[in-house]
């Protein structure tokens, strides 16, 4: 197992944890099937404070993970 593989595992775990820590932005899957009034997929939701930091951090870690996967694929 090389250095790049270890980096990929670390970034994958961090990305999963960040995704799980984010709060939901909709009423959930049950309201989608039951016709809940609050489900609007194109609503402009403003993130503030910790939610915005978590969202930006998740985006950054996801981008780094994607780049590492491309690098690993090109090297192998």
Protein backbone atom coordinates (compact mmCIF):
# COMPACT_ATOMS: atom_id res chain seq x y z
CA UNK A 1 0.00 0.00 0.00
CA UNK A 2 1.55 3.24 -1.12
CA UNK A 3 1.37 6.77 0.18
CA UNK A 4 -1.30 7.73 -2.36
CA UNK A 5 -3.52 4.84 -1.29
CA UNK A 6 -3.31 5.91 2.35
CA UNK A 7 -4.19 9.49 1.38
CA UNK A 8 -7.20 8.24 -0.58
CA UNK A 9 -8.45 6.23 2.40
CA UNK A 10 -8.05 9.18 4.77
CA UNK A 11 -9.83 11.61 2.45
CA UNK A 12 -12.61 9.08 1.79
CA UNK A 13 -13.27 8.66 5.52
CA UNK A 14 -13.19 12.43 6.11
CA UNK A 15 -15.58 13.00 3.19
CA UNK A 16 -18.01 10.41 4.52
CA UNK A 17 -17.91 11.91 8.02
CA UNK A 18 -18.44 15.45 6.72
CA UNK A 19 -21.38 14.30 4.63
CA UNK A 20 -22.99 12.58 7.58
CA UNK A 21 -22.50 15.59 9.86
CA UNK A 22 -24.40 17.94 7.56
CA UNK A 23 -27.99 18.67 8.43
CA UNK A 24 -30.74 17.75 5.99
CA UNK A 25 -32.01 20.49 3.71
CA UNK A 26 -35.42 18.98 3.00
CA UNK A 27 -38.25 17.29 4.86
CA UNK A 28 -36.95 13.87 3.96
CA UNK A 29 -37.72 11.03 1.64
CA UNK A 30 -41.10 10.25 3.15
CA UNK A 31 -42.51 13.65 2.21
CA UNK A 32 -41.31 13.18 -1.36
CA UNK A 33 -43.45 10.07 -1.77
CA UNK A 34 -46.41 11.26 0.30
CA UNK A 35 -46.61 14.64 -1.40
CA UNK A 36 -45.39 16.85 1.40
CA UNK A 37 -45.84 20.58 0.85
CA UNK A 38 -42.33 21.54 1.94
CA UNK A 39 -40.39 19.73 -0.76
CA UNK A 40 -38.98 22.18 -3.27
CA UNK A 41 -35.83 20.92 -4.94
CA UNK A 42 -35.00 24.26 -6.48
CA UNK A 43 -35.47 26.42 -3.37
CA UNK A 44 -32.74 28.93 -2.71
CA UNK A 45 -31.59 27.99 0.79
CA UNK A 46 -29.06 30.31 2.40
CA UNK A 47 -26.45 28.59 4.54
CA UNK A 48 -25.08 30.52 7.48
CA UNK A 49 -22.44 29.98 10.11
CA UNK A 50 -21.42 26.41 10.80
CA UNK A 51 -23.59 25.01 7.99
CA UNK A 52 -21.74 27.11 5.43
CA UNK A 53 -18.35 26.09 6.83
CA UNK A 54 -19.31 22.40 6.73
CA UNK A 55 -20.64 22.73 3.19
CA UNK A 56 -17.51 24.49 1.93
CA UNK A 57 -15.26 22.00 3.73
CA UNK A 58 -17.14 19.08 2.22
CA UNK A 59 -16.79 20.62 -1.23
CA UNK A 60 -13.05 21.15 -0.75
CA UNK A 61 -12.43 17.62 0.57
CA UNK A 62 -14.54 16.15 -2.25
CA UNK A 63 -12.56 18.08 -4.84
CA UNK A 64 -9.24 16.97 -3.36
CA UNK A 65 -10.49 13.37 -3.25
CA UNK A 66 -11.52 13.56 -6.91
CA UNK A 67 -8.11 14.93 -7.92
CA UNK A 68 -6.32 12.23 -5.91
CA UNK A 69 -8.38 9.52 -7.62
CA UNK A 70 -7.46 10.94 -11.04
CA UNK A 71 -3.78 11.07 -10.08
CA UNK A 72 -3.90 7.49 -8.77
CA UNK A 73 -5.53 6.30 -11.99
CA UNK A 74 -2.97 8.03 -14.21
CA UNK A 75 -0.02 6.70 -12.20
CA UNK A 76 -1.25 3.11 -12.24
